[in-house]
Structures are given as C-alpha cells and as structure tokens.
Amino acid sequence: TSWRPPDADHQYGHGKIENLAALSETILLVLTSFWILKEAVG
C-alpha cells in the first residue's frame, strides 16, 4: 500500500505506512523481550 501515489486524502502519498509498520514491529519485539525476561528469571 505504501507505494500508492498521492490522493485527495493523502497528499504526500502513503509512504508513512512503512514507518508505522516498522514501529508496530518494534513494539511487538519489546513485548516479547519482556516476556522472555520474566520466564528466564523464573
């Protein structure tokens, strides 16, 4: 979706969808890491 050209609602294009995806992946990794730490301490 990020390659789509600008339209009336997204006049600078859809490129930031990729940045949002990267941030979402980061949050998932952080949650995983804290779960691992909790289990490892146990």
PDB file of all heavy atoms in Angstrom:
ATOM      1  N   THR A   1       0.801  -1.225   0.000  1.00  0.00           N
ATOM      2  CA  THR A   1       0.000   0.000   0.000  1.00  0.00           C
ATOM      3  C   THR A   1       0.838   1.281   0.000  1.00  0.00           C
ATOM      4  O   THR A   1       0.370   2.317  -0.478  1.00  0.00           O
ATOM      5  CB  THR A   1      -0.925   0.034   1.226  1.00  0.00           C
ATOM      6  OG1 THR A   1      -0.134  -0.093   2.411  1.00  0.00           O
ATOM      7  CG2 THR A   1      -1.923  -1.107   1.180  1.00  0.00           C
ATOM      8  N   SER A   2       2.063   1.230   0.524  1.00  0.00           N
ATOM      9  CA  SER A   2       2.832   2.467   0.699  1.00  0.00           C
ATOM     10  C   SER A   2       3.273   3.098  -0.621  1.00  0.00           C
ATOM     11  O   SER A   2       3.567   4.298  -0.678  1.00  0.00           O
ATOM     12  CB  SER A   2       4.068   2.199   1.568  1.00  0.00           C
ATOM     13  OG  SER A   2       4.929   1.280   0.917  1.00  0.00           O
ATOM     14  N   TRP A   3       3.336   2.325  -1.709  1.00  0.00           N
ATOM     15  CA  TRP A   3       3.793   2.857  -2.989  1.00  0.00           C
ATOM     16  C   TRP A   3       2.717   3.669  -3.703  1.00  0.00           C
ATOM     17  O   TRP A   3       3.019   4.376  -4.684  1.00  0.00           O
ATOM     18  CB  TRP A   3       4.207   1.691  -3.906  1.00  0.00           C
ATOM     19  CG  TRP A   3       3.066   0.783  -4.249  1.00  0.00           C
ATOM     20  CD1 TRP A   3       2.667  -0.319  -3.572  1.00  0.00           C
ATOM     21  CD2 TRP A   3       2.162   0.913  -5.350  1.00  0.00           C
ATOM     22  NE1 TRP A   3       1.568  -0.898  -4.165  1.00  0.00           N
ATOM     23  CE2 TRP A   3       1.235  -0.162  -5.265  1.00  0.00           C
ATOM     24  CE3 TRP A   3       2.036   1.826  -6.408  1.00  0.00           C
ATOM     25  CZ2 TRP A   3       0.217  -0.334  -6.189  1.00  0.00           C
ATOM     26  CZ3 TRP A   3       1.017   1.647  -7.321  1.00  0.00           C
ATOM     27  CH2 TRP A   3       0.124   0.577  -7.211  1.00  0.00           C
ATOM     28  N   ARG A   4       1.477   3.594  -3.248  1.00  0.00           N
ATOM     29  CA  ARG A   4       0.389   4.256  -3.964  1.00  0.00           C
ATOM     30  C   ARG A   4       0.631   5.758  -4.062  1.00  0.00           C
ATOM     31  O   ARG A   4       1.113   6.382  -3.119  1.00  0.00           O
ATOM     32  CB  ARG A   4      -0.938   3.997  -3.254  1.00  0.00           C
ATOM     33  CG  ARG A   4      -1.377   2.534  -3.302  1.00  0.00           C
ATOM     34  CD  ARG A   4      -2.638   2.304  -2.497  1.00  0.00           C
ATOM     35  NE  ARG A   4      -3.045   0.895  -2.524  1.00  0.00           N
ATOM     36  CZ  ARG A   4      -4.020   0.390  -1.799  1.00  0.00           C
ATOM     37  NH1 ARG A   4      -4.711   1.182  -0.984  1.00  0.00           N
ATOM     38  NH2 ARG A   4      -4.315  -0.895  -1.880  1.00  0.00           N
ATOM     39  N   PRO A   5       0.289   6.349  -5.179  1.00  0.00           N
ATOM     40  CA  PRO A   5       0.542   7.783  -5.372  1.00  0.00           C
ATOM     41  C   PRO A   5      -0.353   8.642  -4.486  1.00  0.00           C
ATOM     42  O   PRO A   5      -1.336   8.161  -3.925  1.00  0.00           O
ATOM     43  CB  PRO A   5       0.230   7.990  -6.859  1.00  0.00           C
ATOM     44  CG  PRO A   5      -0.748   6.899  -7.196  1.00  0.00           C
ATOM     45  CD  PRO A   5      -0.336   5.717  -6.362  1.00  0.00           C
ATOM     46  N   PRO A   6      -0.014   9.929  -4.349  1.00  0.00           N
ATOM     47  CA  PRO A   6      -0.840  10.835  -3.533  1.00  0.00           C
ATOM     48  C   PRO A   6      -2.277  10.888  -4.043  1.00  0.00           C
ATOM     49  O   PRO A   6      -2.541  10.731  -5.239  1.00  0.00           O
ATOM     50  CB  PRO A   6      -0.147  12.186  -3.702  1.00  0.00           C
ATOM     51  CG  PRO A   6       1.261  11.855  -4.066  1.00  0.00           C
ATOM     52  CD  PRO A   6       1.178  10.607  -4.899  1.00  0.00           C
ATOM     53  N   ASP A   7      -3.210  11.096  -3.115  1.00  0.00           N
ATOM     54  CA  ASP A   7      -4.601  11.280  -3.480  1.00  0.00           C
ATOM     55  C   ASP A   7      -5.170  12.447  -2.673  1.00  0.00           C
ATOM     56  O   ASP A   7      -4.420  13.151  -1.976  1.00  0.00           O
ATOM     57  CB  ASP A   7      -5.415   9.995  -3.260  1.00  0.00           C
ATOM     58  CG  ASP A   7      -5.289   9.453  -1.836  1.00  0.00           C
ATOM     59  OD1 ASP A   7      -5.136  10.269  -0.901  1.00  0.00           O
ATOM     60  OD2 ASP A   7      -5.345   8.224  -1.659  1.00  0.00           O
ATOM     61  N   ALA A   8      -6.474  12.657  -2.749  1.00  0.00           N
ATOM     62  CA  ALA A   8      -7.081  13.815  -2.094  1.00  0.00           C
ATOM     63  C   ALA A   8      -6.930  13.760  -0.576  1.00  0.00           C
ATOM     64  O   ALA A   8      -6.813  14.800   0.083  1.00  0.00           O
ATOM     65  CB  ALA A   8      -8.562  13.897  -2.463  1.00  0.00           C
ATOM     66  N   ASP A   9      -6.916  12.559  -0.012  1.00  0.00           N
ATOM     67  CA  ASP A   9      -6.812  12.406   1.437  1.00  0.00           C
ATOM     68  C   ASP A   9      -5.379  12.264   1.928  1.00  0.00           C
ATOM     69  O   ASP A   9      -5.088  12.506   3.103  1.00  0.00           O
ATOM     70  CB  ASP A   9      -7.625  11.194   1.901  1.00  0.00           C
ATOM     71  CG  ASP A   9      -9.114  11.373   1.658  1.00  0.00           C
ATOM     72  OD1 ASP A   9      -9.592  12.517   1.803  1.00  0.00           O
ATOM     73  OD2 ASP A   9      -9.782  10.383   1.315  1.00  0.00           O
ATOM     74  N   HIS A  10      -4.467  11.839   1.067  1.00  0.00           N
ATOM     75  CA  HIS A  10      -3.063  11.634   1.429  1.00  0.00           C
ATOM     76  C   HIS A  10      -2.199  12.348   0.386  1.00  0.00           C
ATOM     77  O   HIS A  10      -1.668  11.735  -0.532  1.00  0.00           O
ATOM     78  CB  HIS A  10      -2.718  10.144   1.480  1.00  0.00           C
ATOM     79  CG  HIS A  10      -3.615   9.345   2.367  1.00  0.00           C
ATOM     80  ND1 HIS A  10      -4.809   8.810   1.931  1.00  0.00           N
ATOM     81  CD2 HIS A  10      -3.510   9.007   3.681  1.00  0.00           C
ATOM     82  CE1 HIS A  10      -5.395   8.172   2.928  1.00  0.00           C
ATOM     83  NE2 HIS A  10      -4.631   8.273   4.002  1.00  0.00           N
ATOM     84  N   GLN A  11      -2.083  13.647   0.558  1.00  0.00           N
ATOM     85  CA  GLN A  11      -1.474  14.482  -0.479  1.00  0.00           C
ATOM     86  C   GLN A  11       0.038  14.325  -0.566  1.00  0.00           C
ATOM     87  O   GLN A  11       0.655  14.781  -1.528  1.00  0.00           O
ATOM     88  CB  GLN A  11      -1.849  15.944  -0.238  1.00  0.00           C
ATOM     89  CG  GLN A  11      -3.357  16.158  -0.320  1.00  0.00           C
ATOM     90  CD  GLN A  11      -3.774  17.596  -0.095  1.00  0.00           C
ATOM     91  OE1 GLN A  11      -2.942  18.467   0.135  1.00  0.00           O
ATOM     92  NE2 GLN A  11      -5.060  17.851  -0.150  1.00  0.00           N
ATOM     93  N   TYR A  12       0.667  13.713   0.435  1.00  0.00           N
ATOM     94  CA  TYR A  12       2.092  13.404   0.380  1.00  0.00           C
ATOM     95  C   TYR A  12       2.333  11.912   0.140  1.00  0.00           C
ATOM     96  O   TYR A  12       3.417  11.402   0.381  1.00  0.00           O
ATOM     97  CB  TYR A  12       2.788  13.829   1.670  1.00  0.00           C
ATOM     98  CG  TYR A  12       3.055  15.310   1.762  1.00  0.00           C
ATOM     99  CD1 TYR A  12       2.114  16.164   2.322  1.00  0.00           C
ATOM    100  CD2 TYR A  12       4.234  15.863   1.266  1.00  0.00           C
ATOM    101  CE1 TYR A  12       2.347  17.522   2.405  1.00  0.00           C
ATOM    102  CE2 TYR A  12       4.477  17.212   1.345  1.00  0.00           C
ATOM    103  CZ  TYR A  12       3.524  18.045   1.918  1.00  0.00           C
ATOM    104  OH  TYR A  12       3.767  19.397   1.994  1.00  0.00           O
ATOM    105  N   GLY A  13       1.314  11.209  -0.323  1.00  0.00           N
ATOM    106  CA  GLY A  13       1.468   9.789  -0.591  1.00  0.00           C
ATOM    107  C   GLY A  13       1.187   8.937   0.641  1.00  0.00           C
ATOM    108  O   GLY A  13       0.696   9.415   1.665  1.00  0.00           O
ATOM    109  N   HIS A  14       1.508   7.650   0.537  1.00  0.00           N
ATOM    110  CA  HIS A  14       1.223   6.681   1.588  1.00  0.00           C
ATOM    111  C   HIS A  14       2.489   6.074   2.181  1.00  0.00           C
ATOM    112  O   HIS A  14       2.458   5.008   2.798  1.00  0.00           O
ATOM    113  CB  HIS A  14       0.344   5.545   1.026  1.00  0.00           C
ATOM    114  CG  HIS A  14      -0.969   6.023   0.476  1.00  0.00           C
ATOM    115  ND1 HIS A  14      -1.085   6.672  -0.736  1.00  0.00           N
ATOM    116  CD2 HIS A  14      -2.231   5.951   0.981  1.00  0.00           C
ATOM    117  CE1 HIS A  14      -2.356   6.966  -0.963  1.00  0.00           C
ATOM    118  NE2 HIS A  14      -3.064   6.543   0.058  1.00  0.00           N
ATOM    119  N   GLY A  15       3.621   6.737   2.011  1.00  0.00           N
ATOM    120  CA  GLY A  15       4.905   6.180   2.424  1.00  0.00           C
ATOM    121  C   GLY A  15       5.032   5.918   3.909  1.00  0.00           C
ATOM    122  O   GLY A  15       5.749   5.010   4.332  1.00  0.00           O
ATOM    123  N   LYS A  16       4.327   6.705   4.738  1.00  0.00           N
ATOM    124  CA  LYS A  16       4.484   6.534   6.182  1.00  0.00           C
ATOM    125  C   LYS A  16       3.830   5.271   6.716  1.00  0.00           C
ATOM    126  O   LYS A  16       4.025   4.923   7.884  1.00  0.00           O
ATOM    127  CB  LYS A  16       3.944   7.763   6.923  1.00  0.00           C
ATOM    128  CG  LYS A  16       4.857   8.972   6.782  1.00  0.00           C
ATOM    129  CD  LYS A  16       4.582  10.015   7.826  1.00  0.00           C
ATOM    130  CE  LYS A  16       5.603  11.148   7.714  1.00  0.00           C
ATOM    131  NZ  LYS A  16       5.421  12.165   8.758  1.00  0.00           N
ATOM    132  N   ILE A  17       3.082   4.570   5.857  1.00  0.00           N
ATOM    133  CA  ILE A  17       2.568   3.270   6.272  1.00  0.00           C
ATOM    134  C   ILE A  17       3.732   2.346   6.613  1.00  0.00           C
ATOM    135  O   ILE A  17       3.670   1.556   7.555  1.00  0.00           O
ATOM    136  CB  ILE A  17       1.691   2.664   5.162  1.00  0.00           C
ATOM    137  CG1 ILE A  17       0.407   3.492   4.986  1.00  0.00           C
ATOM    138  CG2 ILE A  17       1.337   1.211   5.469  1.00  0.00           C
ATOM    139  CD1 ILE A  17      -0.481   3.030   3.859  1.00  0.00           C
ATOM    140  N   GLU A  18       4.834   2.454   5.848  1.00  0.00           N
ATOM    141  CA  GLU A  18       6.015   1.640   6.138  1.00  0.00           C
ATOM    142  C   GLU A  18       6.600   2.001   7.495  1.00  0.00           C
ATOM    143  O   GLU A  18       7.039   1.120   8.249  1.00  0.00           O
ATOM    144  CB  GLU A  18       7.065   1.825   5.046  1.00  0.00           C
ATOM    145  CG  GLU A  18       6.707   1.165   3.733  1.00  0.00           C
ATOM    146  CD  GLU A  18       7.928   0.899   2.876  1.00  0.00           C
ATOM    147  OE1 GLU A  18       9.050   0.883   3.434  1.00  0.00           O
ATOM    148  OE2 GLU A  18       7.763   0.709   1.666  1.00  0.00           O
ATOM    149  N   ASN A  19       6.641   3.289   7.827  1.00  0.00           N
ATOM    150  CA  ASN A  19       7.188   3.700   9.119  1.00  0.00           C
ATOM    151  C   ASN A  19       6.307   3.215  10.265  1.00  0.00           C
ATOM    152  O   ASN A  19       6.813   2.796  11.313  1.00  0.00           O
ATOM    153  CB  ASN A  19       7.315   5.223   9.162  1.00  0.00           C
ATOM    154  CG  ASN A  19       8.102   5.786   7.994  1.00  0.00           C
ATOM    155  OD1 ASN A  19       7.669   6.744   7.348  1.00  0.00           O
ATOM    156  ND2 ASN A  19       9.228   5.189   7.682  1.00  0.00           N
ATOM    157  N   LEU A  20       4.987   3.254  10.070  1.00  0.00           N
ATOM    158  CA  LEU A  20       4.074   2.725  11.080  1.00  0.00           C
ATOM    159  C   LEU A  20       4.267   1.217  11.254  1.00  0.00           C
ATOM    160  O   LEU A  20       4.221   0.696  12.377  1.00  0.00           O
ATOM    161  CB  LEU A  20       2.626   3.017  10.687  1.00  0.00           C
ATOM    162  CG  LEU A  20       2.120   4.440  10.942  1.00  0.00           C
ATOM    163  CD1 LEU A  20       0.761   4.632  10.290  1.00  0.00           C
ATOM    164  CD2 LEU A  20       2.029   4.717  12.437  1.00  0.00           C
ATOM    165  N   ALA A  21       4.499   0.519  10.144  1.00  0.00           N
ATOM    166  CA  ALA A  21       4.731  -0.920  10.220  1.00  0.00           C
ATOM    167  C   ALA A  21       5.999  -1.214  11.009  1.00  0.00           C
ATOM    168  O   ALA A  21       6.034  -2.123  11.846  1.00  0.00           O
ATOM    169  CB  ALA A  21       4.837  -1.509   8.815  1.00  0.00           C
ATOM    170  N   ALA A  22       7.053  -0.433  10.751  1.00  0.00           N
ATOM    171  CA  ALA A  22       8.308  -0.634  11.475  1.00  0.00           C
ATOM    172  C   ALA A  22       8.129  -0.391  12.967  1.00  0.00           C
ATOM    173  O   ALA A  22       8.662  -1.128  13.808  1.00  0.00           O
ATOM    174  CB  ALA A  22       9.385   0.294  10.911  1.00  0.00           C
ATOM    175  N   LEU A  23       7.356   0.633  13.335  1.00  0.00           N
ATOM    176  CA  LEU A  23       7.116   0.923  14.748  1.00  0.00           C
ATOM    177  C   LEU A  23       6.286  -0.188  15.394  1.00  0.00           C
ATOM    178  O   LEU A  23       6.549  -0.586  16.543  1.00  0.00           O
ATOM    179  CB  LEU A  23       6.402   2.267  14.895  1.00  0.00           C
ATOM    180  CG  LEU A  23       6.161   2.747  16.330  1.00  0.00           C
ATOM    181  CD1 LEU A  23       7.480   2.904  17.079  1.00  0.00           C
ATOM    182  CD2 LEU A  23       5.397   4.073  16.324  1.00  0.00           C
ATOM    183  N   SER A  24       5.309  -0.709  14.670  1.00  0.00           N
ATOM    184  CA  SER A  24       4.500  -1.812  15.198  1.00  0.00           C
ATOM    185  C   SER A  24       5.365  -3.043  15.466  1.00  0.00           C
ATOM    186  O   SER A  24       5.226  -3.709  16.504  1.00  0.00           O
ATOM    187  CB  SER A  24       3.386  -2.173  14.212  1.00  0.00           C
ATOM    188  OG  SER A  24       2.528  -1.072  13.993  1.00  0.00           O
ATOM    189  N   GLU A  25       6.273  -3.337  14.541  1.00  0.00           N
ATOM    190  CA  GLU A  25       7.167  -4.476  14.727  1.00  0.00           C
ATOM    191  C   GLU A  25       8.048  -4.283  15.958  1.00  0.00           C
ATOM    192  O   GLU A  25       8.320  -5.224  16.708  1.00  0.00           O
ATOM    193  CB  GLU A  25       8.026  -4.662  13.479  1.00  0.00           C
ATOM    194  CG  GLU A  25       7.241  -5.071  12.254  1.00  0.00           C
ATOM    195  CD  GLU A  25       8.120  -5.163  11.021  1.00  0.00           C
ATOM    196  OE1 GLU A  25       9.288  -5.567  11.162  1.00  0.00           O
ATOM    197  OE2 GLU A  25       7.646  -4.834   9.924  1.00  0.00           O
ATOM    198  N   THR A  26       8.490  -3.058  16.160  1.00  0.00           N
ATOM    199  CA  THR A  26       9.342  -2.757  17.303  1.00  0.00           C
ATOM    200  C   THR A  26       8.597  -3.012  18.614  1.00  0.00           C
ATOM    201  O   THR A  26       9.145  -3.599  19.559  1.00  0.00           O
ATOM    202  CB  THR A  26       9.807  -1.296  17.247  1.00  0.00           C
ATOM    203  OG1 THR A  26      10.533  -1.080  16.035  1.00  0.00           O
ATOM    204  CG2 THR A  26      10.713  -0.961  18.425  1.00  0.00           C
ATOM    205  N   ILE A  27       7.356  -2.567  18.684  1.00  0.00           N
ATOM    206  CA  ILE A  27       6.563  -2.769  19.903  1.00  0.00           C
ATOM    207  C   ILE A  27       6.377  -4.257  20.181  1.00  0.00           C
ATOM    208  O   ILE A  27       6.484  -4.716  21.336  1.00  0.00           O
ATOM    209  CB  ILE A  27       5.198  -2.064  19.766  1.00  0.00           C
ATOM    210  CG1 ILE A  27       5.392  -0.542  19.700  1.00  0.00           C
ATOM    211  CG2 ILE A  27       4.283  -2.422  20.933  1.00  0.00           C
ATOM    212  CD1 ILE A  27       4.132   0.225  19.384  1.00  0.00           C
ATOM    213  N   LEU A  28       6.128  -5.046  19.134  1.00  0.00           N
ATOM    214  CA  LEU A  28       5.981  -6.489  19.306  1.00  0.00           C
ATOM    215  C   LEU A  28       7.263  -7.110  19.846  1.00  0.00           C
ATOM    216  O   LEU A  28       7.233  -7.978  20.731  1.00  0.00           O
ATOM    217  CB  LEU A  28       5.601  -7.134  17.976  1.00  0.00           C
ATOM    218  CG  LEU A  28       4.191  -6.847  17.446  1.00  0.00           C
ATOM    219  CD1 LEU A  28       4.020  -7.462  16.060  1.00  0.00           C
ATOM    220  CD2 LEU A  28       3.141  -7.392  18.394  1.00  0.00           C
ATOM    221  N   LEU A  29       8.407  -6.676  19.341  1.00  0.00           N
ATOM    222  CA  LEU A  29       9.681  -7.208  19.806  1.00  0.00           C
ATOM    223  C   LEU A  29       9.926  -6.871  21.277  1.00  0.00           C
ATOM    224  O   LEU A  29      10.443  -7.690  22.045  1.00  0.00           O
ATOM    225  CB  LEU A  29      10.821  -6.665  18.948  1.00  0.00           C
ATOM    226  CG  LEU A  29      11.013  -7.312  17.575  1.00  0.00           C
ATOM    227  CD1 LEU A  29      12.077  -6.571  16.790  1.00  0.00           C
ATOM    228  CD2 LEU A  29      11.396  -8.772  17.715  1.00  0.00           C
ATOM    229  N   VAL A  30       9.582  -5.653  21.667  1.00  0.00           N
ATOM    230  CA  VAL A  30       9.779  -5.246  23.061  1.00  0.00           C
ATOM    231  C   VAL A  30       8.913  -6.090  23.995  1.00  0.00           C
ATOM    232  O   VAL A  30       9.381  -6.566  25.045  1.00  0.00           O
ATOM    233  CB  VAL A  30       9.459  -3.749  23.231  1.00  0.00           C
ATOM    234  CG1 VAL A  30       9.418  -3.364  24.710  1.00  0.00           C
ATOM    235  CG2 VAL A  30      10.507  -2.901  22.517  1.00  0.00           C
ATOM    236  N   LEU A  31       7.654  -6.305  23.629  1.00  0.00           N
ATOM    237  CA  LEU A  31       6.768  -7.125  24.452  1.00  0.00           C
ATOM    238  C   LEU A  31       7.303  -8.552  24.577  1.00  0.00           C
ATOM    239  O   LEU A  31       7.279  -9.157  25.666  1.00  0.00           O
ATOM    240  CB  LEU A  31       5.359  -7.140  23.853  1.00  0.00           C
ATOM    241  CG  LEU A  31       4.600  -5.809  23.894  1.00  0.00           C
ATOM    242  CD1 LEU A  31       3.269  -5.939  23.159  1.00  0.00           C
ATOM    243  CD2 LEU A  31       4.367  -5.355  25.326  1.00  0.00           C
ATOM    244  N   THR A  32       7.797  -9.096  23.466  1.00  0.00           N
ATOM    245  CA  THR A  32       8.369 -10.438  23.504  1.00  0.00           C
ATOM    246  C   THR A  32       9.555 -10.506  24.454  1.00  0.00           C
ATOM    247  O   THR A  32       9.699 -11.455  25.234  1.00  0.00           O
ATOM    248  CB  THR A  32       8.839 -10.852  22.098  1.00  0.00           C
ATOM    249  OG1 THR A  32       7.774 -10.709  21.177  1.00  0.00           O
ATOM    250  CG2 THR A  32       9.305 -12.295  22.091  1.00  0.00           C
ATOM    251  N   SER A  33      10.413  -9.499  24.380  1.00  0.00           N
ATOM    252  CA  SER A  33      11.627  -9.492  25.199  1.00  0.00           C
ATOM    253  C   SER A  33      11.300  -9.469  26.680  1.00  0.00           C
ATOM    254  O   SER A  33      11.930 -10.186  27.479  1.00  0.00           O
ATOM    255  CB  SER A  33      12.492  -8.276  24.834  1.00  0.00           C
ATOM    256  OG  SER A  33      12.877  -8.328  23.483  1.00  0.00           O
ATOM    257  N   PHE A  34      10.315  -8.676  27.080  1.00  0.00           N
ATOM    258  CA  PHE A  34       9.956  -8.623  28.495  1.00  0.00           C
ATOM    259  C   PHE A  34       9.346  -9.954  28.957  1.00  0.00           C
ATOM    260  O   PHE A  34       9.569 -10.391  30.094  1.00  0.00           O
ATOM    261  CB  PHE A  34       8.992  -7.468  28.757  1.00  0.00           C
ATOM    262  CG  PHE A  34       9.684  -6.136  28.842  1.00  0.00           C
ATOM    263  CD1 PHE A  34       9.372  -5.116  27.958  1.00  0.00           C
ATOM    264  CD2 PHE A  34      10.648  -5.899  29.812  1.00  0.00           C
ATOM    265  CE1 PHE A  34      10.019  -3.897  28.027  1.00  0.00           C
ATOM    266  CE2 PHE A  34      11.297  -4.681  29.887  1.00  0.00           C
ATOM    267  CZ  PHE A  34      10.982  -3.670  29.003  1.00  0.00           C
ATOM    268  N   TRP A  35       8.588 -10.610  28.098  1.00  0.00           N
ATOM    269  CA  TRP A  35       8.051 -11.920  28.444  1.00  0.00           C
ATOM    270  C   TRP A  35       9.179 -12.931  28.636  1.00  0.00           C
ATOM    271  O   TRP A  35       9.165 -13.735  29.579  1.00  0.00           O
ATOM    272  CB  TRP A  35       7.096 -12.394  27.353  1.00  0.00           C
ATOM    273  CG  TRP A  35       6.549 -13.766  27.626  1.00  0.00           C
ATOM    274  CD1 TRP A  35       5.514 -14.095  28.446  1.00  0.00           C
ATOM    275  CD2 TRP A  35       7.025 -14.995  27.083  1.00  0.00           C
ATOM    276  NE1 TRP A  35       5.315 -15.446  28.444  1.00  0.00           N
ATOM    277  CE2 TRP A  35       6.230 -16.025  27.622  1.00  0.00           C
ATOM    278  CE3 TRP A  35       8.051 -15.312  26.198  1.00  0.00           C
ATOM    279  CZ2 TRP A  35       6.427 -17.363  27.290  1.00  0.00           C
ATOM    280  CZ3 TRP A  35       8.255 -16.647  25.872  1.00  0.00           C
ATOM    281  CH2 TRP A  35       7.444 -17.657  26.418  1.00  0.00           C
ATOM    282  N   ILE A  36      10.171 -12.887  27.735  1.00  0.00           N
ATOM    283  CA  ILE A  36      11.319 -13.791  27.859  1.00  0.00           C
ATOM    284  C   ILE A  36      12.053 -13.551  29.171  1.00  0.00           C
ATOM    285  O   ILE A  36      12.429 -14.500  29.882  1.00  0.00           O
ATOM    286  CB  ILE A  36      12.283 -13.604  26.667  1.00  0.00           C
ATOM    287  CG1 ILE A  36      11.611 -14.054  25.367  1.00  0.00           C
ATOM    288  CG2 ILE A  36      13.579 -14.380  26.890  1.00  0.00           C
ATOM    289  CD1 ILE A  36      12.413 -13.726  24.125  1.00  0.00           C
ATOM    290  N   LEU A  37      12.277 -12.302  29.515  1.00  0.00           N
ATOM    291  CA  LEU A  37      12.985 -11.973  30.751  1.00  0.00           C
ATOM    292  C   LEU A  37      12.230 -12.516  31.972  1.00  0.00           C
ATOM    293  O   LEU A  37      12.832 -13.070  32.898  1.00  0.00           O
ATOM    294  CB  LEU A  37      13.160 -10.461  30.862  1.00  0.00           C
ATOM    295  CG  LEU A  37      14.185  -9.829  29.915  1.00  0.00           C
ATOM    296  CD1 LEU A  37      14.123  -8.313  30.005  1.00  0.00           C
ATOM    297  CD2 LEU A  37      15.589 -10.318  30.243  1.00  0.00           C
ATOM    298  N   LYS A  38      10.918 -12.349  31.969  1.00  0.00           N
ATOM    299  CA  LYS A  38      10.112 -12.829  33.088  1.00  0.00           C
ATOM    300  C   LYS A  38      10.237 -14.346  33.241  1.00  0.00           C
ATOM    301  O   LYS A  38      10.446 -14.867  34.351  1.00  0.00           O
ATOM    302  CB  LYS A  38       8.649 -12.433  32.875  1.00  0.00           C
ATOM    303  CG  LYS A  38       7.684 -12.974  33.934  1.00  0.00           C
ATOM    304  CD  LYS A  38       6.275 -12.524  33.627  1.00  0.00           C
ATOM    305  CE  LYS A  38       5.268 -13.115  34.607  1.00  0.00           C
ATOM    306  NZ  LYS A  38       5.191 -14.602  34.500  1.00  0.00           N
ATOM    307  N   GLU A  39      10.113 -15.065  32.142  1.00  0.00           N
ATOM    308  CA  GLU A  39      10.210 -16.516  32.191  1.00  0.00           C
ATOM    309  C   GLU A  39      11.610 -16.975  32.579  1.00  0.00           C
ATOM    310  O   GLU A  39      11.787 -17.950  33.320  1.00  0.00           O
ATOM    311  CB  GLU A  39       9.814 -17.108  30.839  1.00  0.00           C
ATOM    312  CG  GLU A  39       8.355 -16.912  30.479  1.00  0.00           C
ATOM    313  CD  GLU A  39       7.436 -17.642  31.442  1.00  0.00           C
ATOM    314  OE1 GLU A  39       7.752 -18.792  31.815  1.00  0.00           O
ATOM    315  OE2 GLU A  39       6.402 -17.063  31.836  1.00  0.00           O
ATOM    316  N   ALA A  40      12.626 -16.282  32.091  1.00  0.00           N
ATOM    317  CA  ALA A  40      14.005 -16.672  32.386  1.00  0.00           C
ATOM    318  C   ALA A  40      14.329 -16.505  33.864  1.00  0.00           C
ATOM    319  O   ALA A  40      15.000 -17.352  34.467  1.00  0.00           O
ATOM    320  CB  ALA A  40      14.970 -15.847  31.545  1.00  0.00           C
ATOM    321  N   VAL A  41      13.854 -15.425  34.468  1.00  0.00           N
ATOM    322  CA  VAL A  41      14.080 -15.209  35.895  1.00  0.00           C
ATOM    323  C   VAL A  41      13.422 -16.325  36.701  1.00  0.00           C
ATOM    324  O   VAL A  41      13.991 -16.836  37.685  1.00  0.00           O
ATOM    325  CB  VAL A  41      13.548 -13.828  36.323  1.00  0.00           C
ATOM    326  CG1 VAL A  41      13.558 -13.699  37.846  1.00  0.00           C
ATOM    327  CG2 VAL A  41      14.396 -12.717  35.706  1.00  0.00           C
ATOM    328  N   GLY A  42      12.230 -16.742  36.277  1.00  0.00           N
ATOM    329  CA  GLY A  42      11.565 -17.844  36.948  1.00  0.00           C
ATOM    330  C   GLY A  42      12.364 -19.129  36.876  1.00  0.00           C
ATOM    331  O   GLY A  42      12.491 -19.866  37.867  1.00  0.00           O
TER     332      GLY A  42
END
